[in-house]
Amino acid sequence: MLQKLLLMFVMLCLGWSECAAVPKPHVITFGKWISAKWPNATGQKLLDLKVRPLFVDTRLKEYTTGTPHEMTDRLFVVRRAFRVNDALPTEKSNANANATRWQWQRGGWLLVDRVTGRVSQLNPPEFDPFYSTASWYRDYIAYCGVSEDGKKLYAVVAQVGRRKPILKKDVGEPAGTDDPDSECPPPVWERTPMRVTFQPDDDQKLVFSIRSRVVENREIWELATSIPRSLNRGKFFHRGPSRDLGARHQHH
């Protein structure tokens, strides 16, 4: 009898341990849209912004804006939104020393894992939260990036999980206007062959073909004149993530 009870106890322990090892499924949902305001580049004009909360198992994780991009059946990315305290030290009176003045801002991108429930921030190189407009395809993101000193504009293609961009090409100087998303329109992706087109301005159009870690560039400089358009074609290769990360140009 004692042996039977012991055997039943062991079986129950084994069953409990197996059940305990099964990961708990996470419930990821978005809340209702909220109408907000955020400042332009000078801070003198407020712009409309739609934000909504991101919940993991009913717990608030982040605020988001825009439409999520389904990267895989497990992962998706979405644009982050957050609030900063815009109160000046001189605006804090003695009676209310902890006075806050919350101001909405757009951030970078969030990577959300449906299986683990993890929400992590992505930091695409040279991505400017105010000026850059991203275009996603699979796990690739394409956008016009701005250098830290604000003097250079880049055509950038990056891949989630890789530290360095697949492509980072100087395309001139940023305009630096007061309006968001104003440096260049969203790049346009094509599937077959897989390539992306940038058009930083009316006179410049750049097409990059992506082939198994290799980016092939064909530049088309369009002259806005009555004469026939001049085509300047070349190839740009960026190898990664191998040790040799240099760029090699071939002109035809």
C-alpha atoms as a PDB file:
ATOM      1  CA  MET A   1       0.000   0.000   0.000  1.00  0.00           C
ATOM      2  CA  LEU A   2       2.803   2.350   0.915  1.00  0.00           C
ATOM      3  CA  GLN A   3       4.529   1.662  -2.375  1.00  0.00           C
ATOM      4  CA  LYS A   4       1.341   2.536  -4.313  1.00  0.00           C
ATOM      5  CA  LEU A   5       0.975   5.812  -2.435  1.00  0.00           C
ATOM      6  CA  LEU A   6       4.619   6.635  -3.077  1.00  0.00           C
ATOM      7  CA  LEU A   7       4.215   5.865  -6.787  1.00  0.00           C
ATOM      8  CA  MET A   8       1.119   8.079  -7.001  1.00  0.00           C
ATOM      9  CA  PHE A   9       3.012  10.891  -5.265  1.00  0.00           C
ATOM     10  CA  VAL A  10       5.907  10.620  -7.730  1.00  0.00           C
ATOM     11  CA  MET A  11       3.511  10.658 -10.695  1.00  0.00           C
ATOM     12  CA  LEU A  12       1.770  13.771  -9.358  1.00  0.00           C
ATOM     13  CA  CYS A  13       5.111  15.517  -8.856  1.00  0.00           C
ATOM     14  CA  LEU A  14       6.208  14.690 -12.389  1.00  0.00           C
ATOM     15  CA  GLY A  15       2.920  15.942 -13.827  1.00  0.00           C
ATOM     16  CA  TRP A  16       3.117  19.162 -11.825  1.00  0.00           C
ATOM     17  CA  SER A  17       6.693  19.849 -12.912  1.00  0.00           C
ATOM     18  CA  GLU A  18       5.820  19.310 -16.562  1.00  0.00           C
ATOM     19  CA  CYS A  19       2.859  21.693 -16.298  1.00  0.00           C
ATOM     20  CA  ALA A  20       5.009  24.245 -14.494  1.00  0.00           C
ATOM     21  CA  ALA A  21       7.562  24.090 -17.341  1.00  0.00           C
ATOM     22  CA  VAL A  22       4.982  25.126 -19.934  1.00  0.00           C
ATOM     23  CA  PRO A  23       5.367  28.885 -20.551  1.00  0.00           C
ATOM     24  CA  LYS A  24       2.367  30.975 -19.717  1.00  0.00           C
ATOM     25  CA  PRO A  25       0.827  32.561 -22.831  1.00  0.00           C
ATOM     26  CA  HIS A  26       0.910  36.348 -22.884  1.00  0.00           C
ATOM     27  CA  VAL A  27      -1.965  38.560 -23.956  1.00  0.00           C
ATOM     28  CA  ILE A  28      -0.809  41.605 -25.939  1.00  0.00           C
ATOM     29  CA  THR A  29      -3.419  44.256 -26.717  1.00  0.00           C
ATOM     30  CA  PHE A  30      -3.731  47.917 -27.657  1.00  0.00           C
ATOM     31  CA  GLY A  31      -5.958  50.361 -25.826  1.00  0.00           C
ATOM     32  CA  LYS A  32      -8.193  53.058 -27.266  1.00  0.00           C
ATOM     33  CA  TRP A  33      -6.789  55.847 -29.388  1.00  0.00           C
ATOM     34  CA  ILE A  34      -6.084  59.118 -27.575  1.00  0.00           C
ATOM     35  CA  SER A  35      -5.963  62.516 -29.290  1.00  0.00           C
ATOM     36  CA  ALA A  36      -2.821  64.401 -28.276  1.00  0.00           C
ATOM     37  CA  LYS A  37      -0.618  67.326 -29.319  1.00  0.00           C
ATOM     38  CA  TRP A  38       3.104  67.455 -29.939  1.00  0.00           C
ATOM     39  CA  PRO A  39       5.372  70.365 -30.929  1.00  0.00           C
ATOM     40  CA  ASN A  40       6.997  71.082 -34.279  1.00  0.00           C
ATOM     41  CA  ALA A  41      10.738  71.643 -34.654  1.00  0.00           C
ATOM     42  CA  THR A  42      10.612  75.156 -33.177  1.00  0.00           C
ATOM     43  CA  GLY A  43       8.170  74.273 -30.420  1.00  0.00           C
ATOM     44  CA  GLN A  44       5.963  77.214 -31.410  1.00  0.00           C
ATOM     45  CA  LYS A  45       3.263  75.123 -33.088  1.00  0.00           C
ATOM     46  CA  LEU A  46       1.377  72.101 -31.773  1.00  0.00           C
ATOM     47  CA  LEU A  47       0.570  69.241 -34.141  1.00  0.00           C
ATOM     48  CA  ASP A  48      -2.079  66.538 -33.904  1.00  0.00           C
ATOM     49  CA  LEU A  49      -0.936  63.116 -32.739  1.00  0.00           C
ATOM     50  CA  LYS A  50      -2.878  59.898 -32.172  1.00  0.00           C
ATOM     51  CA  VAL A  51      -1.477  57.604 -29.464  1.00  0.00           C
ATOM     52  CA  ARG A  52      -2.687  54.444 -27.773  1.00  0.00           C
ATOM     53  CA  PRO A  53      -1.369  52.296 -24.921  1.00  0.00           C
ATOM     54  CA  LEU A  54       0.262  48.913 -25.364  1.00  0.00           C
ATOM     55  CA  PHE A  55      -0.653  46.328 -22.721  1.00  0.00           C
ATOM     56  CA  VAL A  56       1.030  43.019 -21.905  1.00  0.00           C
ATOM     57  CA  ASP A  57      -1.160  40.859 -19.656  1.00  0.00           C
ATOM     58  CA  THR A  58      -3.277  43.954 -18.805  1.00  0.00           C
ATOM     59  CA  ARG A  59      -0.168  45.856 -17.661  1.00  0.00           C
ATOM     60  CA  LEU A  60       0.721  49.111 -19.420  1.00  0.00           C
ATOM     61  CA  LYS A  61       4.112  48.789 -21.122  1.00  0.00           C
ATOM     62  CA  GLU A  62       4.396  51.695 -23.552  1.00  0.00           C
ATOM     63  CA  TYR A  63       2.433  54.230 -25.567  1.00  0.00           C
ATOM     64  CA  THR A  64       2.483  53.855 -29.331  1.00  0.00           C
ATOM     65  CA  THR A  65       1.504  55.725 -32.467  1.00  0.00           C
ATOM     66  CA  GLY A  66       0.888  54.607 -36.029  1.00  0.00           C
ATOM     67  CA  THR A  67       0.165  51.168 -37.465  1.00  0.00           C
ATOM     68  CA  PRO A  68       2.158  48.108 -36.311  1.00  0.00           C
ATOM     69  CA  HIS A  69       4.206  46.159 -38.841  1.00  0.00           C
ATOM     70  CA  GLU A  70       3.908  42.370 -38.606  1.00  0.00           C
ATOM     71  CA  MET A  71       7.473  41.166 -39.018  1.00  0.00           C
ATOM     72  CA  THR A  72       6.896  37.447 -38.351  1.00  0.00           C
ATOM     73  CA  ASP A  73       4.103  35.376 -36.827  1.00  0.00           C
ATOM     74  CA  ARG A  74       5.810  35.996 -33.478  1.00  0.00           C
ATOM     75  CA  LEU A  75       7.308  39.503 -33.729  1.00  0.00           C
ATOM     76  CA  PHE A  76       5.928  42.907 -34.680  1.00  0.00           C
ATOM     77  CA  VAL A  77       7.234  46.470 -34.514  1.00  0.00           C
ATOM     78  CA  VAL A  78       5.368  49.661 -33.713  1.00  0.00           C
ATOM     79  CA  ARG A  79       6.330  53.316 -33.306  1.00  0.00           C
ATOM     80  CA  ARG A  80       6.854  54.508 -29.740  1.00  0.00           C
ATOM     81  CA  ALA A  81       5.303  57.625 -28.216  1.00  0.00           C
ATOM     82  CA  PHE A  82       6.146  59.033 -24.795  1.00  0.00           C
ATOM     83  CA  ARG A  83       5.736  62.092 -22.596  1.00  0.00           C
ATOM     84  CA  VAL A  84       8.492  64.339 -21.242  1.00  0.00           C
ATOM     85  CA  ASN A  85       8.285  66.926 -18.496  1.00  0.00           C
ATOM     86  CA  ASP A  86       8.683  70.280 -20.263  1.00  0.00           C
ATOM     87  CA  ALA A  87       8.510  72.378 -17.091  1.00  0.00           C
ATOM     88  CA  LEU A  88      11.341  74.834 -16.478  1.00  0.00           C
ATOM     89  CA  PRO A  89      12.938  75.135 -13.042  1.00  0.00           C
ATOM     90  CA  THR A  90      11.717  78.746 -12.847  1.00  0.00           C
ATOM     91  CA  GLU A  91       8.146  77.580 -13.434  1.00  0.00           C
ATOM     92  CA  LYS A  92       8.126  75.560 -10.236  1.00  0.00           C
ATOM     93  CA  SER A  93       6.736  77.650  -7.439  1.00  0.00           C
ATOM     94  CA  ASN A  94       7.446  77.032  -3.783  1.00  0.00           C
ATOM     95  CA  ALA A  95       3.853  75.952  -3.280  1.00  0.00           C
ATOM     96  CA  ASN A  96       4.079  73.359  -6.035  1.00  0.00           C
ATOM     97  CA  ALA A  97       7.717  72.348  -6.333  1.00  0.00           C
ATOM     98  CA  ASN A  98       6.832  69.159  -8.226  1.00  0.00           C
ATOM     99  CA  ALA A  99       4.778  70.865 -10.914  1.00  0.00           C
ATOM    100  CA  THR A 100       4.933  69.016 -14.226  1.00  0.00           C
ATOM    101  CA  ARG A 101       4.174  70.039 -17.772  1.00  0.00           C
ATOM    102  CA  TRP A 102       3.799  66.870 -19.816  1.00  0.00           C
ATOM    103  CA  GLN A 103       4.524  67.056 -23.532  1.00  0.00           C
ATOM    104  CA  TRP A 104       4.075  64.243 -26.042  1.00  0.00           C
ATOM    105  CA  GLN A 105       6.935  63.236 -28.326  1.00  0.00           C
ATOM    106  CA  ARG A 106       7.437  60.605 -30.997  1.00  0.00           C
ATOM    107  CA  GLY A 107      10.155  58.098 -30.316  1.00  0.00           C
ATOM    108  CA  GLY A 108      11.840  55.297 -32.205  1.00  0.00           C
ATOM    109  CA  TRP A 109      10.506  51.762 -32.644  1.00  0.00           C
ATOM    110  CA  LEU A 110       9.423  48.994 -30.306  1.00  0.00           C
ATOM    111  CA  LEU A 111       9.976  45.280 -30.968  1.00  0.00           C
ATOM    112  CA  VAL A 112       7.249  43.137 -29.394  1.00  0.00           C
ATOM    113  CA  ASP A 113       7.544  39.369 -28.881  1.00  0.00           C
ATOM    114  CA  ARG A 114       4.146  37.697 -28.595  1.00  0.00           C
ATOM    115  CA  VAL A 115       5.568  34.506 -27.046  1.00  0.00           C
ATOM    116  CA  THR A 116       7.712  35.974 -24.260  1.00  0.00           C
ATOM    117  CA  GLY A 117       5.747  39.206 -23.864  1.00  0.00           C
ATOM    118  CA  ARG A 118       8.974  41.164 -24.077  1.00  0.00           C
ATOM    119  CA  VAL A 119       8.873  44.753 -25.355  1.00  0.00           C
ATOM    120  CA  SER A 120      12.268  46.197 -26.332  1.00  0.00           C
ATOM    121  CA  GLN A 121      13.353  49.411 -27.998  1.00  0.00           C
ATOM    122  CA  LEU A 122      15.011  49.421 -31.410  1.00  0.00           C
ATOM    123  CA  ASN A 123      17.551  52.100 -32.272  1.00  0.00           C
ATOM    124  CA  PRO A 124      17.966  52.286 -36.070  1.00  0.00           C
ATOM    125  CA  PRO A 125      21.183  54.145 -36.969  1.00  0.00           C
ATOM    126  CA  GLU A 126      20.778  57.842 -37.833  1.00  0.00           C
ATOM    127  CA  PHE A 127      16.983  57.567 -37.412  1.00  0.00           C
ATOM    128  CA  ASP A 128      15.550  60.973 -36.508  1.00  0.00           C
ATOM    129  CA  PRO A 129      12.245  60.690 -34.605  1.00  0.00           C
ATOM    130  CA  PHE A 130      11.080  64.024 -36.002  1.00  0.00           C
ATOM    131  CA  TYR A 131      12.245  64.002 -39.626  1.00  0.00           C
ATOM    132  CA  SER A 132      12.667  60.326 -40.612  1.00  0.00           C
ATOM    133  CA  THR A 133       9.802  58.444 -42.247  1.00  0.00           C
ATOM    134  CA  ALA A 134      10.283  54.687 -42.118  1.00  0.00           C
ATOM    135  CA  SER A 135       9.130  52.043 -44.572  1.00  0.00           C
ATOM    136  CA  TRP A 136       9.167  48.406 -43.386  1.00  0.00           C
ATOM    137  CA  TYR A 137       9.444  45.220 -45.418  1.00  0.00           C
ATOM    138  CA  ARG A 138       9.953  41.885 -43.671  1.00  0.00           C
ATOM    139  CA  ASP A 139      12.608  42.660 -41.036  1.00  0.00           C
ATOM    140  CA  TYR A 140      14.125  45.513 -43.068  1.00  0.00           C
ATOM    141  CA  ILE A 141      13.560  49.198 -42.367  1.00  0.00           C
ATOM    142  CA  ALA A 142      14.352  51.935 -44.908  1.00  0.00           C
ATOM    143  CA  TYR A 143      14.356  55.670 -44.194  1.00  0.00           C
ATOM    144  CA  CYS A 144      16.219  58.938 -44.670  1.00  0.00           C
ATOM    145  CA  GLY A 145      18.430  59.435 -41.642  1.00  0.00           C
ATOM    146  CA  VAL A 146      19.992  62.617 -40.308  1.00  0.00           C
ATOM    147  CA  SER A 147      23.500  62.853 -38.839  1.00  0.00           C
ATOM    148  CA  GLU A 148      23.915  63.899 -35.217  1.00  0.00           C
ATOM    149  CA  ASP A 149      25.182  67.347 -36.192  1.00  0.00           C
ATOM    150  CA  GLY A 150      22.220  67.807 -38.558  1.00  0.00           C
ATOM    151  CA  LYS A 151      24.440  68.483 -41.584  1.00  0.00           C
ATOM    152  CA  LYS A 152      24.108  65.246 -43.577  1.00  0.00           C
ATOM    153  CA  LEU A 153      21.180  63.278 -44.948  1.00  0.00           C
ATOM    154  CA  TYR A 154      21.564  59.520 -45.476  1.00  0.00           C
ATOM    155  CA  ALA A 155      19.635  56.832 -47.300  1.00  0.00           C
ATOM    156  CA  VAL A 156      19.593  54.015 -44.743  1.00  0.00           C
ATOM    157  CA  VAL A 157      18.531  50.376 -44.916  1.00  0.00           C
ATOM    158  CA  ALA A 158      18.845  48.407 -41.679  1.00  0.00           C
ATOM    159  CA  GLN A 159      17.875  44.912 -40.605  1.00  0.00           C
ATOM    160  CA  VAL A 160      16.544  43.945 -37.184  1.00  0.00           C
ATOM    161  CA  GLY A 161      19.178  41.990 -35.279  1.00  0.00           C
ATOM    162  CA  ARG A 162      22.168  43.557 -37.033  1.00  0.00           C
ATOM    163  CA  ARG A 163      24.139  46.293 -35.321  1.00  0.00           C
ATOM    164  CA  LYS A 164      25.327  48.055 -38.472  1.00  0.00           C
ATOM    165  CA  PRO A 165      23.112  49.172 -41.352  1.00  0.00           C
ATOM    166  CA  ILE A 166      23.096  47.260 -44.616  1.00  0.00           C
ATOM    167  CA  LEU A 167      23.238  50.572 -46.408  1.00  0.00           C
ATOM    168  CA  LYS A 168      24.159  54.091 -45.353  1.00  0.00           C
ATOM    169  CA  LYS A 169      24.664  56.453 -48.276  1.00  0.00           C
ATOM    170  CA  ASP A 170      25.185  60.211 -48.146  1.00  0.00           C
ATOM    171  CA  VAL A 171      22.489  61.888 -50.256  1.00  0.00           C
ATOM    172  CA  GLY A 172      23.155  65.544 -49.465  1.00  0.00           C
ATOM    173  CA  GLU A 173      22.138  68.026 -46.797  1.00  0.00           C
ATOM    174  CA  PRO A 174      18.868  67.954 -44.856  1.00  0.00           C
ATOM    175  CA  ALA A 175      16.389  70.751 -45.451  1.00  0.00           C
ATOM    176  CA  GLY A 176      15.750  71.186 -41.742  1.00  0.00           C
ATOM    177  CA  THR A 177      12.228  72.568 -42.034  1.00  0.00           C
ATOM    178  CA  ASP A 178       9.814  72.972 -39.132  1.00  0.00           C
ATOM    179  CA  ASP A 179       7.501  70.159 -40.302  1.00  0.00           C
ATOM    180  CA  PRO A 180       7.850  66.470 -39.326  1.00  0.00           C
ATOM    181  CA  ASP A 181       8.583  63.738 -41.881  1.00  0.00           C
ATOM    182  CA  SER A 182       9.787  66.432 -44.283  1.00  0.00           C
ATOM    183  CA  GLU A 183      13.247  65.221 -45.328  1.00  0.00           C
ATOM    184  CA  CYS A 184      12.027  62.654 -47.857  1.00  0.00           C
ATOM    185  CA  PRO A 185       8.909  60.593 -48.620  1.00  0.00           C
ATOM    186  CA  PRO A 186       8.697  57.021 -47.304  1.00  0.00           C
ATOM    187  CA  PRO A 187      10.966  54.744 -49.390  1.00  0.00           C
ATOM    188  CA  VAL A 188       9.119  52.359 -51.710  1.00  0.00           C
ATOM    189  CA  TRP A 189       9.773  48.612 -51.524  1.00  0.00           C
ATOM    190  CA  GLU A 190       9.449  46.062 -54.323  1.00  0.00           C
ATOM    191  CA  ARG A 191       9.367  42.295 -53.841  1.00  0.00           C
ATOM    192  CA  THR A 192      10.813  40.703 -57.008  1.00  0.00           C
ATOM    193  CA  PRO A 193      13.573  41.618 -57.272  1.00  0.00           C
ATOM    194  CA  MET A 194      13.739  42.894 -53.695  1.00  0.00           C
ATOM    195  CA  ARG A 195      14.692  46.528 -53.876  1.00  0.00           C
ATOM    196  CA  VAL A 196      13.882  49.884 -52.334  1.00  0.00           C
ATOM    197  CA  THR A 197      13.638  53.336 -53.909  1.00  0.00           C
ATOM    198  CA  PHE A 198      14.556  56.609 -52.201  1.00  0.00           C
ATOM    199  CA  GLN A 199      13.651  60.030 -53.541  1.00  0.00           C
ATOM    200  CA  PRO A 200      15.127  62.696 -51.231  1.00  0.00           C
ATOM    201  CA  ASP A 201      14.119  65.474 -53.645  1.00  0.00           C
ATOM    202  CA  ASP A 202      12.605  66.019 -57.087  1.00  0.00           C
ATOM    203  CA  ASP A 203      16.006  65.811 -58.816  1.00  0.00           C
ATOM    204  CA  GLN A 204      17.310  62.650 -57.180  1.00  0.00           C
ATOM    205  CA  LYS A 205      16.085  59.068 -57.268  1.00  0.00           C
ATOM    206  CA  LEU A 206      18.048  56.153 -55.860  1.00  0.00           C
ATOM    207  CA  VAL A 207      17.223  52.458 -56.253  1.00  0.00           C
ATOM    208  CA  PHE A 208      18.914  49.796 -54.114  1.00  0.00           C
ATOM    209  CA  SER A 209      18.564  46.069 -54.810  1.00  0.00           C
ATOM    210  CA  ILE A 210      19.081  43.798 -51.809  1.00  0.00           C
ATOM    211  CA  ARG A 211      20.432  40.316 -52.500  1.00  0.00           C
ATOM    212  CA  SER A 212      21.479  38.080 -49.604  1.00  0.00           C
ATOM    213  CA  ARG A 213      23.423  40.624 -47.557  1.00  0.00           C
ATOM    214  CA  VAL A 214      24.488  42.567 -50.649  1.00  0.00           C
ATOM    215  CA  VAL A 215      23.012  45.893 -51.648  1.00  0.00           C
ATOM    216  CA  GLU A 216      23.252  46.890 -55.297  1.00  0.00           C
ATOM    217  CA  ASN A 217      22.752  50.570 -56.076  1.00  0.00           C
ATOM    218  CA  ARG A 218      21.536  52.175 -59.287  1.00  0.00           C
ATOM    219  CA  GLU A 219      21.461  55.957 -59.064  1.00  0.00           C
ATOM    220  CA  ILE A 220      19.190  57.897 -61.376  1.00  0.00           C
ATOM    221  CA  TRP A 221      19.776  61.617 -61.344  1.00  0.00           C
ATOM    222  CA  GLU A 222      16.833  63.275 -63.046  1.00  0.00           C
ATOM    223  CA  LEU A 223      17.398  66.779 -64.371  1.00  0.00           C
ATOM    224  CA  ALA A 224      14.304  68.935 -64.109  1.00  0.00           C
ATOM    225  CA  THR A 225      14.862  70.597 -67.458  1.00  0.00           C
ATOM    226  CA  SER A 226      13.522  70.309 -70.970  1.00  0.00           C
ATOM    227  CA  ILE A 227      16.522  68.316 -72.151  1.00  0.00           C
ATOM    228  CA  PRO A 228      16.447  64.485 -72.034  1.00  0.00           C
ATOM    229  CA  ARG A 229      16.984  63.044 -68.570  1.00  0.00           C
ATOM    230  CA  SER A 230      20.538  62.084 -67.747  1.00  0.00           C
ATOM    231  CA  LEU A 231      21.104  58.702 -66.188  1.00  0.00           C
ATOM    232  CA  ASN A 232      24.087  58.064 -64.002  1.00  0.00           C
ATOM    233  CA  ARG A 233      24.206  54.387 -63.082  1.00  0.00           C
ATOM    234  CA  GLY A 234      26.586  52.738 -60.659  1.00  0.00           C
ATOM    235  CA  LYS A 235      26.817  49.947 -58.140  1.00  0.00           C
ATOM    236  CA  PHE A 236      27.307  50.180 -54.433  1.00  0.00           C
ATOM    237  CA  PHE A 237      28.180  47.115 -52.374  1.00  0.00           C
ATOM    238  CA  HIS A 238      28.115  46.928 -48.586  1.00  0.00           C
ATOM    239  CA  ARG A 239      29.210  43.621 -47.125  1.00  0.00           C
ATOM    240  CA  GLY A 240      28.080  42.589 -43.687  1.00  0.00           C
ATOM    241  CA  PRO A 241      28.166  41.405 -41.086  1.00  0.00           C
ATOM    242  CA  SER A 242      31.647  40.034 -41.973  1.00  0.00           C
ATOM    243  CA  ARG A 243      34.839  41.679 -40.780  1.00  0.00           C
ATOM    244  CA  ASP A 244      35.301  43.566 -44.027  1.00  0.00           C
ATOM    245  CA  LEU A 245      32.621  46.282 -43.743  1.00  0.00           C
ATOM    246  CA  GLY A 246      34.058  48.573 -46.376  1.00  0.00           C
ATOM    247  CA  ALA A 247      32.142  49.822 -49.406  1.00  0.00           C
ATOM    248  CA  ARG A 248      33.239  49.044 -52.924  1.00  0.00           C
ATOM    249  CA  HIS A 249      32.132  51.113 -55.932  1.00  0.00           C
ATOM    250  CA  GLN A 250      32.027  49.930 -59.502  1.00  0.00           C
ATOM    251  CA  HIS A 251      31.261  52.395 -62.285  1.00  0.00           C
ATOM    252  CA  HIS A 252      29.963  51.419 -65.700  1.00  0.00           C
END
